[in-house]
Amino acid sequence: MELHFGTYREIITEDQNEIKSLIIKGNEANNNLVEGRLHTSALTAYFKDNNKIIATSTIKTPEISYITTIFDKALSKLDPLNYIHELGYVFVDLDYRNQKLASTLCSELVQRFKTENLFSTTRTDNLGMQSILNTLGFIPNGNPYPSIIQDKLLSVYIKIS
């Protein structure tokens, strides 16, 4: 199993397609926006096993309007313009779960952005991701709000550099 890093634009097309497919398979992102957001992301980390991408995570650089909307929905009192990078698109293939792969990917990315304020969103029922975020120093901010993708609630987590 090999750990890889790169901007999405630098990653070979075959790996880009696998990363995008893995994220879409996770069914937690707007499928119509995934590729565009990956292209504008700051850094992607992923594990490959036998030439297959099995886990991925990304530091995204979303549009200011998206960030503002997320912080507004959460009724956050923080200035969203202080959080221009989002830890997201975290997904591990079902056959590779419970091996701390998501934790490793997120930790490596957060370490590379330790001088930046970060935010992340996760479902309120995703205890695994909440645990990872808490371990990495993220704290909940604001109130849960409805997801437009699923009939679930989302929470915003922030990490101050």
C-alpha atoms as a PDB file:
ATOM      1  CA  MET A   1       0.000   0.000   0.000  1.00  0.00           C
ATOM      2  CA  GLU A   2       1.422   3.379  -1.061  1.00  0.00           C
ATOM      3  CA  LEU A   3       0.554   6.895   0.122  1.00  0.00           C
ATOM      4  CA  HIS A   4       0.475   9.578  -2.609  1.00  0.00           C
ATOM      5  CA  PHE A   5       0.067  13.371  -2.594  1.00  0.00           C
ATOM      6  CA  GLY A   6      -0.498  15.916  -5.314  1.00  0.00           C
ATOM      7  CA  THR A   7      -2.754  18.586  -6.610  1.00  0.00           C
ATOM      8  CA  TYR A   8      -5.576  16.995  -8.540  1.00  0.00           C
ATOM      9  CA  ARG A   9      -4.328  18.679 -11.711  1.00  0.00           C
ATOM     10  CA  GLU A  10      -0.911  16.976 -11.305  1.00  0.00           C
ATOM     11  CA  ILE A  11      -2.324  13.489 -10.752  1.00  0.00           C
ATOM     12  CA  ILE A  12      -2.480  11.231 -13.810  1.00  0.00           C
ATOM     13  CA  THR A  13      -5.882  11.045 -15.496  1.00  0.00           C
ATOM     14  CA  GLU A  14      -6.460   7.405 -14.549  1.00  0.00           C
ATOM     15  CA  ASP A  15      -5.922   8.204 -10.860  1.00  0.00           C
ATOM     16  CA  GLN A  16      -8.066  11.345 -11.139  1.00  0.00           C
ATOM     17  CA  ASN A  17     -10.933   9.229 -12.469  1.00  0.00           C
ATOM     18  CA  GLU A  18     -10.537   6.663  -9.674  1.00  0.00           C
ATOM     19  CA  ILE A  19     -10.455   9.374  -6.996  1.00  0.00           C
ATOM     20  CA  LYS A  20     -13.558  11.030  -8.424  1.00  0.00           C
ATOM     21  CA  SER A  21     -15.357   7.660  -8.642  1.00  0.00           C
ATOM     22  CA  LEU A  22     -14.452   6.791  -5.056  1.00  0.00           C
ATOM     23  CA  ILE A  23     -15.808  10.129  -3.803  1.00  0.00           C
ATOM     24  CA  ILE A  24     -19.020   9.741  -5.797  1.00  0.00           C
ATOM     25  CA  LYS A  25     -19.368   6.165  -4.508  1.00  0.00           C
ATOM     26  CA  GLY A  26     -19.362   7.639  -0.990  1.00  0.00           C
ATOM     27  CA  ASN A  27     -22.633   9.409  -1.872  1.00  0.00           C
ATOM     28  CA  GLU A  28     -21.908  12.403   0.359  1.00  0.00           C
ATOM     29  CA  ALA A  29     -21.000  15.033  -2.203  1.00  0.00           C
ATOM     30  CA  ASN A  30     -22.843  16.794  -4.985  1.00  0.00           C
ATOM     31  CA  ASN A  31     -21.763  14.593  -7.902  1.00  0.00           C
ATOM     32  CA  ASN A  32     -22.116  17.475 -10.365  1.00  0.00           C
ATOM     33  CA  LEU A  33     -19.578  19.567  -8.453  1.00  0.00           C
ATOM     34  CA  VAL A  34     -16.960  16.978  -7.462  1.00  0.00           C
ATOM     35  CA  GLU A  35     -14.659  17.253 -10.470  1.00  0.00           C
ATOM     36  CA  GLY A  36     -14.631  21.053 -10.537  1.00  0.00           C
ATOM     37  CA  ARG A  37     -13.934  21.257  -6.829  1.00  0.00           C
ATOM     38  CA  LEU A  38     -11.145  18.708  -7.135  1.00  0.00           C
ATOM     39  CA  HIS A  39      -9.548  20.763  -9.923  1.00  0.00           C
ATOM     40  CA  THR A  40      -9.460  23.834  -7.676  1.00  0.00           C
ATOM     41  CA  SER A  41      -8.375  21.943  -4.555  1.00  0.00           C
ATOM     42  CA  ALA A  42      -5.081  22.658  -2.800  1.00  0.00           C
ATOM     43  CA  LEU A  43      -3.897  19.063  -2.218  1.00  0.00           C
ATOM     44  CA  THR A  44      -5.181  15.503  -2.482  1.00  0.00           C
ATOM     45  CA  ALA A  45      -3.850  12.504  -0.595  1.00  0.00           C
ATOM     46  CA  TYR A  46      -4.675   8.916  -1.491  1.00  0.00           C
ATOM     47  CA  PHE A  47      -3.657   5.339  -0.873  1.00  0.00           C
ATOM     48  CA  LYS A  48      -3.104   2.876  -3.708  1.00  0.00           C
ATOM     49  CA  ASP A  49      -3.041  -0.872  -3.230  1.00  0.00           C
ATOM     50  CA  ASN A  50      -2.164  -3.068  -6.210  1.00  0.00           C
ATOM     51  CA  ASN A  51      -2.659  -0.103  -8.567  1.00  0.00           C
ATOM     52  CA  LYS A  52      -6.143   0.595  -7.190  1.00  0.00           C
ATOM     53  CA  ILE A  53      -7.027   3.747  -5.269  1.00  0.00           C
ATOM     54  CA  ILE A  54      -8.587   2.592  -2.015  1.00  0.00           C
ATOM     55  CA  ALA A  55      -8.809   5.785   0.062  1.00  0.00           C
ATOM     56  CA  THR A  56      -8.736   9.521  -0.536  1.00  0.00           C
ATOM     57  CA  SER A  57      -8.959  12.886   1.209  1.00  0.00           C
ATOM     58  CA  THR A  58      -8.569  16.438  -0.054  1.00  0.00           C
ATOM     59  CA  ILE A  59      -7.870  19.942   1.158  1.00  0.00           C
ATOM     60  CA  LYS A  60     -10.379  21.836  -0.936  1.00  0.00           C
ATOM     61  CA  THR A  61     -10.348  25.537  -1.771  1.00  0.00           C
ATOM     62  CA  PRO A  62     -14.057  26.178  -2.167  1.00  0.00           C
ATOM     63  CA  GLU A  63     -15.677  29.302  -3.540  1.00  0.00           C
ATOM     64  CA  ILE A  64     -16.204  32.084  -0.993  1.00  0.00           C
ATOM     65  CA  SER A  65     -19.963  31.926  -1.625  1.00  0.00           C
ATOM     66  CA  TYR A  66     -19.976  28.222  -0.636  1.00  0.00           C
ATOM     67  CA  ILE A  67     -17.990  28.884   2.549  1.00  0.00           C
ATOM     68  CA  THR A  68     -20.255  31.779   3.515  1.00  0.00           C
ATOM     69  CA  THR A  69     -23.354  29.680   2.876  1.00  0.00           C
ATOM     70  CA  ILE A  70     -22.052  26.804   5.035  1.00  0.00           C
ATOM     71  CA  PHE A  71     -21.155  29.097   7.947  1.00  0.00           C
ATOM     72  CA  ASP A  72     -24.518  30.899   7.606  1.00  0.00           C
ATOM     73  CA  LYS A  73     -26.474  27.628   7.603  1.00  0.00           C
ATOM     74  CA  ALA A  74     -24.613  26.548  10.741  1.00  0.00           C
ATOM     75  CA  LEU A  75     -25.367  29.935  12.351  1.00  0.00           C
ATOM     76  CA  SER A  76     -21.653  30.319  13.026  1.00  0.00           C
ATOM     77  CA  LYS A  77     -20.522  33.558  14.578  1.00  0.00           C
ATOM     78  CA  LEU A  78     -17.072  33.241  12.972  1.00  0.00           C
ATOM     79  CA  ASP A  79     -15.906  35.122   9.893  1.00  0.00           C
ATOM     80  CA  PRO A  80     -16.038  32.535   7.080  1.00  0.00           C
ATOM     81  CA  LEU A  81     -13.352  34.444   5.177  1.00  0.00           C
ATOM     82  CA  ASN A  82     -10.862  33.240   7.783  1.00  0.00           C
ATOM     83  CA  TYR A  83     -11.464  29.636   6.636  1.00  0.00           C
ATOM     84  CA  ILE A  84     -10.578  29.269   2.971  1.00  0.00           C
ATOM     85  CA  HIS A  85      -9.498  25.605   3.084  1.00  0.00           C
ATOM     86  CA  GLU A  86     -11.804  22.669   3.725  1.00  0.00           C
ATOM     87  CA  LEU A  87     -10.795  19.144   4.681  1.00  0.00           C
ATOM     88  CA  GLY A  88     -13.156  16.928   2.746  1.00  0.00           C
ATOM     89  CA  TYR A  89     -13.820  14.222   0.200  1.00  0.00           C
ATOM     90  CA  VAL A  90     -12.698  11.639   2.760  1.00  0.00           C
ATOM     91  CA  PHE A  91     -13.639   8.143   1.666  1.00  0.00           C
ATOM     92  CA  VAL A  92     -12.236   4.644   2.132  1.00  0.00           C
ATOM     93  CA  ASP A  93     -13.251   1.665   0.000  1.00  0.00           C
ATOM     94  CA  LEU A  94     -15.432  -0.717   2.022  1.00  0.00           C
ATOM     95  CA  ASP A  95     -12.893  -3.554   1.766  1.00  0.00           C
ATOM     96  CA  TYR A  96     -10.191  -1.385   3.399  1.00  0.00           C
ATOM     97  CA  ARG A  97     -12.058   0.131   6.324  1.00  0.00           C
ATOM     98  CA  ASN A  98     -10.976  -0.110   9.979  1.00  0.00           C
ATOM     99  CA  GLN A  99      -7.297   0.238   9.097  1.00  0.00           C
ATOM    100  CA  LYS A 100      -6.959   3.935  10.091  1.00  0.00           C
ATOM    101  CA  LEU A 101      -6.492   4.952   6.450  1.00  0.00           C
ATOM    102  CA  ALA A 102      -8.827   7.951   6.696  1.00  0.00           C
ATOM    103  CA  SER A 103      -7.091   9.048   9.902  1.00  0.00           C
ATOM    104  CA  THR A 104      -3.698   8.815   8.241  1.00  0.00           C
ATOM    105  CA  LEU A 105      -4.780  10.740   5.135  1.00  0.00           C
ATOM    106  CA  CYS A 106      -6.460  13.496   7.137  1.00  0.00           C
ATOM    107  CA  SER A 107      -3.558  13.772   9.566  1.00  0.00           C
ATOM    108  CA  GLU A 108      -1.023  14.080   6.748  1.00  0.00           C
ATOM    109  CA  LEU A 109      -3.061  16.772   5.000  1.00  0.00           C
ATOM    110  CA  VAL A 110      -3.729  18.764   8.165  1.00  0.00           C
ATOM    111  CA  GLN A 111      -0.023  18.642   9.007  1.00  0.00           C
ATOM    112  CA  ARG A 112       0.806  20.151   5.615  1.00  0.00           C
ATOM    113  CA  PHE A 113      -1.686  22.973   6.282  1.00  0.00           C
ATOM    114  CA  LYS A 114      -0.853  23.526   9.957  1.00  0.00           C
ATOM    115  CA  THR A 115      -0.436  27.284   9.460  1.00  0.00           C
ATOM    116  CA  GLU A 116      -3.913  27.603   7.913  1.00  0.00           C
ATOM    117  CA  ASN A 117      -7.320  27.772   9.545  1.00  0.00           C
ATOM    118  CA  LEU A 118      -9.339  24.821   8.272  1.00  0.00           C
ATOM    119  CA  PHE A 119     -12.951  23.760   8.324  1.00  0.00           C
ATOM    120  CA  SER A 120     -14.746  20.540   7.583  1.00  0.00           C
ATOM    121  CA  THR A 121     -18.327  19.350   7.461  1.00  0.00           C
ATOM    122  CA  THR A 122     -19.576  15.939   8.450  1.00  0.00           C
ATOM    123  CA  ARG A 123     -22.872  14.226   9.116  1.00  0.00           C
ATOM    124  CA  THR A 124     -23.973  14.359  12.730  1.00  0.00           C
ATOM    125  CA  ASP A 125     -24.274  10.558  12.662  1.00  0.00           C
ATOM    126  CA  ASN A 126     -20.756   9.989  11.235  1.00  0.00           C
ATOM    127  CA  LEU A 127     -19.019   9.263  14.519  1.00  0.00           C
ATOM    128  CA  GLY A 128     -15.870   7.948  12.815  1.00  0.00           C
ATOM    129  CA  MET A 129     -15.228  11.206  10.980  1.00  0.00           C
ATOM    130  CA  GLN A 130     -16.097  13.232  14.068  1.00  0.00           C
ATOM    131  CA  SER A 131     -13.511  11.220  16.010  1.00  0.00           C
ATOM    132  CA  ILE A 132     -10.858  11.903  13.357  1.00  0.00           C
ATOM    133  CA  LEU A 133     -11.646  15.620  13.380  1.00  0.00           C
ATOM    134  CA  ASN A 134     -11.554  15.797  17.182  1.00  0.00           C
ATOM    135  CA  THR A 135      -8.226  13.949  17.264  1.00  0.00           C
ATOM    136  CA  LEU A 136      -6.777  16.451  14.770  1.00  0.00           C
ATOM    137  CA  GLY A 137      -7.832  19.434  16.880  1.00  0.00           C
ATOM    138  CA  PHE A 138     -11.025  20.400  15.085  1.00  0.00           C
ATOM    139  CA  ILE A 139     -13.924  21.572  17.219  1.00  0.00           C
ATOM    140  CA  PRO A 140     -17.640  21.821  16.376  1.00  0.00           C
ATOM    141  CA  ASN A 141     -18.853  25.288  15.470  1.00  0.00           C
ATOM    142  CA  GLY A 142     -22.389  26.569  15.169  1.00  0.00           C
ATOM    143  CA  ASN A 143     -25.464  24.373  14.898  1.00  0.00           C
ATOM    144  CA  PRO A 144     -26.255  21.290  12.792  1.00  0.00           C
ATOM    145  CA  TYR A 145     -28.065  22.077   9.548  1.00  0.00           C
ATOM    146  CA  PRO A 146     -29.851  19.964   6.891  1.00  0.00           C
ATOM    147  CA  SER A 147     -27.818  18.399   4.095  1.00  0.00           C
ATOM    148  CA  ILE A 148     -29.048  19.017   0.567  1.00  0.00           C
ATOM    149  CA  ILE A 149     -27.601  15.651  -0.554  1.00  0.00           C
ATOM    150  CA  GLN A 150     -29.166  13.334   2.009  1.00  0.00           C
ATOM    151  CA  ASP A 151     -31.910  13.485   4.605  1.00  0.00           C
ATOM    152  CA  LYS A 152     -29.275  14.024   7.308  1.00  0.00           C
ATOM    153  CA  LEU A 153     -27.864  16.827   9.406  1.00  0.00           C
ATOM    154  CA  LEU A 154     -24.367  18.265   8.933  1.00  0.00           C
ATOM    155  CA  SER A 155     -22.060  19.932  11.415  1.00  0.00           C
ATOM    156  CA  VAL A 156     -19.225  22.362  10.765  1.00  0.00           C
ATOM    157  CA  TYR A 157     -15.892  21.715  12.475  1.00  0.00           C
ATOM    158  CA  ILE A 158     -13.079  24.249  12.578  1.00  0.00           C
ATOM    159  CA  LYS A 159      -9.354  24.105  13.292  1.00  0.00           C
ATOM    160  CA  ILE A 160      -7.589  27.329  14.140  1.00  0.00           C
ATOM    161  CA  SER A 161      -3.898  27.472  13.214  1.00  0.00           C
END
